[in-house]
Amino acid sequence: MTLRLYLLRHGQTAMSRANVFCGRELDPVLTDEGVAMANAFAAAHRDSKWTAIYSSPLARAVATATPLANAVKLPVELRDDLAEIDYGDWDGLTADVVAQRWHDEHERWSADPAWNPPTGGETAIALSHRMTNVIEEITGAHLDGNVLVVSHKASIRVLLCALLGVDVGRFRYRFGCPVGSVSIVEFGAHGPLAMAVADRSHLSAELRGLEGT
């Protein structure tokens, strides 16, 4: 028996297009291109055998999970702990603006976000704990099959670090996670195995080439 987790980042939003910090307190909707990304994932994977679908409760994640859920007739199970990292006072701002307003805190966060949070925000360690709590729930409930987990950029990268034994403080420098990308982790006899990281082969060249992050 093999369990495969499909860790899907939500589709494009206006904030991902502008490359600004967008955490759990902001809830932008998908752009038209973001909706196209969600539909493309569903079209590419609707014929796979799906066991369950979990999602962050934020609108951009739920909208990304919905096309596949509709196609395979499964409910979207919401989990608060799958939401994005809390960027605190940095929400909605670019990295350049943050570096000017909170220079020292931004420098500490850039060097080691595991223990140094954004101003008024959340550490990567705290994010890791709540993400792995959900994964423990999922692996306890589902011994095999394909499970979709729709979440966010920092959340997925931190989770990959936690599952694969990578220093959580290096999450920004070890894994890519562009909008609409999926990473696949297989749970076998020897623990989690990365089968794909930041795959966007289900997207058209036009969607893969969009600006933003």
Protein backbone atom coordinates (compact mmCIF):
# COMPACT_ATOMS: atom_id res chain seq x y z
CA MET A 1 0.00 0.00 0.00
CA THR A 2 1.33 3.42 -0.98
CA LEU A 3 0.03 6.85 -0.10
CA ARG A 4 0.85 9.75 -2.43
CA LEU A 5 0.36 13.33 -1.34
CA TYR A 6 -0.08 15.88 -4.11
CA LEU A 7 0.92 19.23 -2.61
CA LEU A 8 -0.64 21.80 -4.94
CA ARG A 9 -0.03 25.51 -4.64
CA HIS A 10 -3.03 27.67 -5.49
CA GLY A 11 -3.28 29.43 -8.84
CA GLN A 12 -2.31 33.00 -9.61
CA THR A 13 -3.69 35.92 -7.62
CA ALA A 14 -3.12 39.65 -8.10
CA MET A 15 -0.70 39.52 -5.16
CA SER A 16 1.33 36.59 -6.46
CA ARG A 17 1.49 38.37 -9.81
CA ALA A 18 2.83 41.50 -8.09
CA ASN A 19 5.28 39.44 -5.96
CA VAL A 20 4.26 40.88 -2.61
CA PHE A 21 4.00 39.17 0.77
CA CYS A 22 0.58 37.55 1.09
CA GLY A 23 -0.02 35.53 4.23
CA ARG A 24 -2.93 33.95 6.05
CA GLU A 25 -4.57 37.26 6.94
CA LEU A 26 -5.04 38.31 3.29
CA ASP A 27 -7.51 36.48 1.09
CA PRO A 28 -7.25 37.53 -2.57
CA VAL A 29 -9.25 35.58 -5.15
CA LEU A 30 -7.77 33.86 -8.16
CA THR A 31 -7.23 35.85 -11.33
CA ASP A 32 -8.67 34.49 -14.57
CA GLU A 33 -5.27 32.92 -15.18
CA GLY A 34 -5.36 31.42 -11.70
CA VAL A 35 -8.70 29.81 -12.46
CA ALA A 36 -7.22 28.44 -15.68
CA MET A 37 -4.40 26.90 -13.65
CA ALA A 38 -6.88 25.17 -11.34
CA ASN A 39 -8.86 23.87 -14.30
CA ALA A 40 -5.69 22.65 -16.00
CA PHE A 41 -4.67 20.62 -12.95
CA ALA A 42 -8.14 19.06 -12.78
CA ALA A 43 -8.11 18.21 -16.47
CA ALA A 44 -4.70 16.56 -16.22
CA HIS A 45 -5.47 14.52 -13.09
CA ARG A 46 -9.21 13.84 -13.08
CA ASP A 47 -8.74 10.24 -14.28
CA SER A 48 -6.45 9.33 -11.38
CA LYS A 49 -7.97 7.49 -8.44
CA TRP A 50 -8.38 10.07 -5.66
CA THR A 51 -8.95 9.16 -2.03
CA ALA A 52 -9.48 12.60 -0.50
CA ILE A 53 -9.01 16.34 -1.07
CA TYR A 54 -7.84 18.72 1.67
CA SER A 55 -7.40 22.47 1.40
CA SER A 56 -6.45 25.61 3.24
CA PRO A 57 -9.63 27.58 4.01
CA LEU A 58 -8.36 30.66 2.16
CA ALA A 59 -10.35 31.50 -0.97
CA ARG A 60 -7.43 31.12 -3.37
CA ALA A 61 -6.78 27.57 -2.19
CA VAL A 62 -10.43 26.47 -2.10
CA ALA A 63 -10.97 27.79 -5.63
CA THR A 64 -7.94 25.80 -6.80
CA ALA A 65 -9.18 22.58 -5.18
CA THR A 66 -12.76 22.90 -6.44
CA PRO A 67 -12.38 21.92 -10.13
CA LEU A 68 -10.83 18.55 -9.29
CA ALA A 69 -13.28 18.02 -6.43
CA ASN A 70 -16.19 18.60 -8.80
CA ALA A 71 -14.69 16.33 -11.44
CA VAL A 72 -14.11 13.37 -9.12
CA LYS A 73 -17.14 13.97 -6.84
CA LEU A 74 -15.19 14.36 -3.60
CA PRO A 75 -15.72 17.01 -0.89
CA VAL A 76 -13.04 19.57 -0.15
CA GLU A 77 -12.06 19.09 3.50
CA LEU A 78 -10.86 22.39 4.98
CA ARG A 79 -8.09 22.57 7.56
CA ASP A 80 -7.10 25.88 9.15
CA ASP A 81 -3.55 24.64 9.68
CA LEU A 82 -3.00 24.42 5.90
CA ALA A 83 -3.24 28.22 5.60
CA GLU A 84 -0.26 30.32 4.57
CA ILE A 85 2.37 31.60 7.00
CA ASP A 86 1.40 34.74 8.91
CA TYR A 87 3.48 37.60 7.48
CA GLY A 88 2.21 40.04 10.09
CA ASP A 89 2.96 43.68 9.28
CA TRP A 90 4.60 42.70 5.99
CA ASP A 91 1.39 41.58 4.32
CA GLY A 92 0.74 43.29 1.01
CA LEU A 93 4.24 44.80 0.77
CA THR A 94 7.21 44.05 -1.47
CA ALA A 95 10.48 42.73 -0.06
CA ASP A 96 12.17 46.05 -0.90
CA VAL A 97 9.65 48.06 1.12
CA VAL A 98 9.92 45.63 4.04
CA ALA A 99 13.71 45.82 3.98
CA GLN A 100 13.51 49.61 4.23
CA ARG A 101 10.91 49.78 7.02
CA TRP A 102 12.11 46.82 9.12
CA HIS A 103 15.73 46.44 8.06
CA ASP A 104 17.06 44.48 11.02
CA GLU A 105 14.05 42.19 11.34
CA HIS A 106 14.08 41.51 7.61
CA GLU A 107 17.78 40.68 7.75
CA ARG A 108 17.23 38.23 10.62
CA TRP A 109 14.27 36.63 8.85
CA SER A 110 16.20 36.30 5.60
CA ALA A 111 19.08 34.61 7.41
CA ASP A 112 16.96 32.20 9.44
CA PRO A 113 13.15 32.33 9.21
CA ALA A 114 12.91 29.18 11.34
CA TRP A 115 13.20 31.21 14.55
CA ASN A 116 12.93 34.81 13.32
CA PRO A 117 9.37 35.74 12.29
CA PRO A 118 8.23 38.57 10.05
CA THR A 119 7.29 41.58 12.18
CA GLY A 120 4.21 40.54 14.10
CA GLY A 121 4.09 37.26 12.20
CA GLU A 122 4.87 33.56 12.46
CA THR A 123 8.10 31.56 12.54
CA ALA A 124 8.74 28.78 10.05
CA ILE A 125 9.02 26.39 13.00
CA ALA A 126 5.47 27.24 14.08
CA LEU A 127 4.27 26.81 10.50
CA SER A 128 6.06 23.46 10.29
CA HIS A 129 4.31 22.21 13.42
CA ARG A 130 0.82 23.02 12.22
CA MET A 131 1.43 21.69 8.69
CA THR A 132 2.83 18.40 9.94
CA ASN A 133 -0.12 18.05 12.32
CA VAL A 134 -2.43 17.95 9.29
CA ILE A 135 -0.18 15.49 7.46
CA GLU A 136 -0.19 13.20 10.48
CA GLU A 137 -3.98 13.34 10.41
CA ILE A 138 -4.03 12.50 6.70
CA THR A 139 -1.52 9.66 6.91
CA GLY A 140 -3.46 8.23 9.85
CA ALA A 141 -6.73 8.34 7.93
CA HIS A 142 -5.50 7.15 4.53
CA LEU A 143 -3.08 4.25 4.16
CA ASP A 144 -2.91 4.39 0.38
CA GLY A 145 -4.19 6.16 -2.70
CA ASN A 146 -3.80 9.71 -3.96
CA VAL A 147 -4.60 12.63 -1.65
CA LEU A 148 -4.64 16.23 -2.85
CA VAL A 149 -3.51 18.93 -0.41
CA VAL A 150 -3.98 22.50 -1.66
CA SER A 151 -1.95 25.08 0.21
CA HIS A 152 0.47 27.97 -0.23
CA LYS A 153 4.03 28.85 -1.21
CA ALA A 154 5.75 29.05 2.18
CA SER A 155 3.54 26.36 3.68
CA ILE A 156 4.36 23.77 1.03
CA ARG A 157 8.09 24.54 1.06
CA VAL A 158 8.25 24.32 4.86
CA LEU A 159 6.32 21.05 4.77
CA LEU A 160 8.71 19.60 2.18
CA CYS A 161 11.62 20.49 4.45
CA ALA A 162 9.95 18.85 7.44
CA LEU A 163 9.07 15.68 5.54
CA LEU A 164 12.40 15.28 3.76
CA GLY A 165 14.77 16.14 6.60
CA VAL A 166 15.86 19.57 5.35
CA ASP A 167 16.55 22.45 7.75
CA VAL A 168 13.25 24.35 7.93
CA GLY A 169 15.20 27.59 8.13
CA ARG A 170 16.38 27.02 4.54
CA PHE A 171 12.92 26.59 3.04
CA ARG A 172 13.23 29.68 0.84
CA TYR A 173 16.48 28.43 -0.69
CA ARG A 174 15.88 24.68 -1.11
CA PHE A 175 12.52 24.29 -2.87
CA GLY A 176 10.74 26.22 -5.58
CA CYS A 177 6.96 26.55 -5.48
CA PRO A 178 5.52 28.77 -8.24
CA VAL A 179 1.78 29.26 -8.57
CA GLY A 180 -0.08 26.25 -9.88
CA SER A 181 2.81 23.86 -9.21
CA VAL A 182 2.48 20.45 -7.59
CA SER A 183 4.98 18.48 -5.52
CA ILE A 184 4.36 14.77 -4.96
CA VAL A 185 5.52 12.92 -1.86
CA GLU A 186 5.12 9.16 -1.63
CA PHE A 187 4.96 7.45 1.74
CA GLY A 188 6.60 4.03 1.66
CA ALA A 189 8.43 1.59 3.88
CA HIS A 190 11.40 3.96 4.23
CA GLY A 191 9.43 7.13 4.88
CA PRO A 192 8.56 10.11 2.66
CA LEU A 193 10.07 10.13 -0.85
CA ALA A 194 9.88 13.14 -3.18
CA MET A 195 8.58 11.97 -6.55
CA ALA A 196 8.21 15.47 -8.02
CA VAL A 197 8.94 19.02 -6.87
CA ALA A 198 7.25 22.15 -8.26
CA ASP A 199 5.99 20.33 -11.37
CA ARG A 200 3.95 22.48 -13.76
CA SER A 201 3.77 20.15 -16.75
CA HIS A 202 -0.04 20.24 -16.52
CA LEU A 203 0.02 23.97 -17.36
CA SER A 204 0.27 25.45 -20.83
CA ALA A 205 3.43 27.28 -21.84
CA GLU A 206 1.47 30.53 -21.65
CA LEU A 207 0.43 29.91 -18.04
CA ARG A 208 3.93 28.78 -17.06
CA GLY A 209 5.38 31.95 -18.53
CA LEU A 210 3.28 34.45 -16.57
CA GLU A 211 5.08 37.03 -14.43
CA GLY A 212 4.97 36.80 -10.69
CA THR A 213 5.77 34.16 -8.12
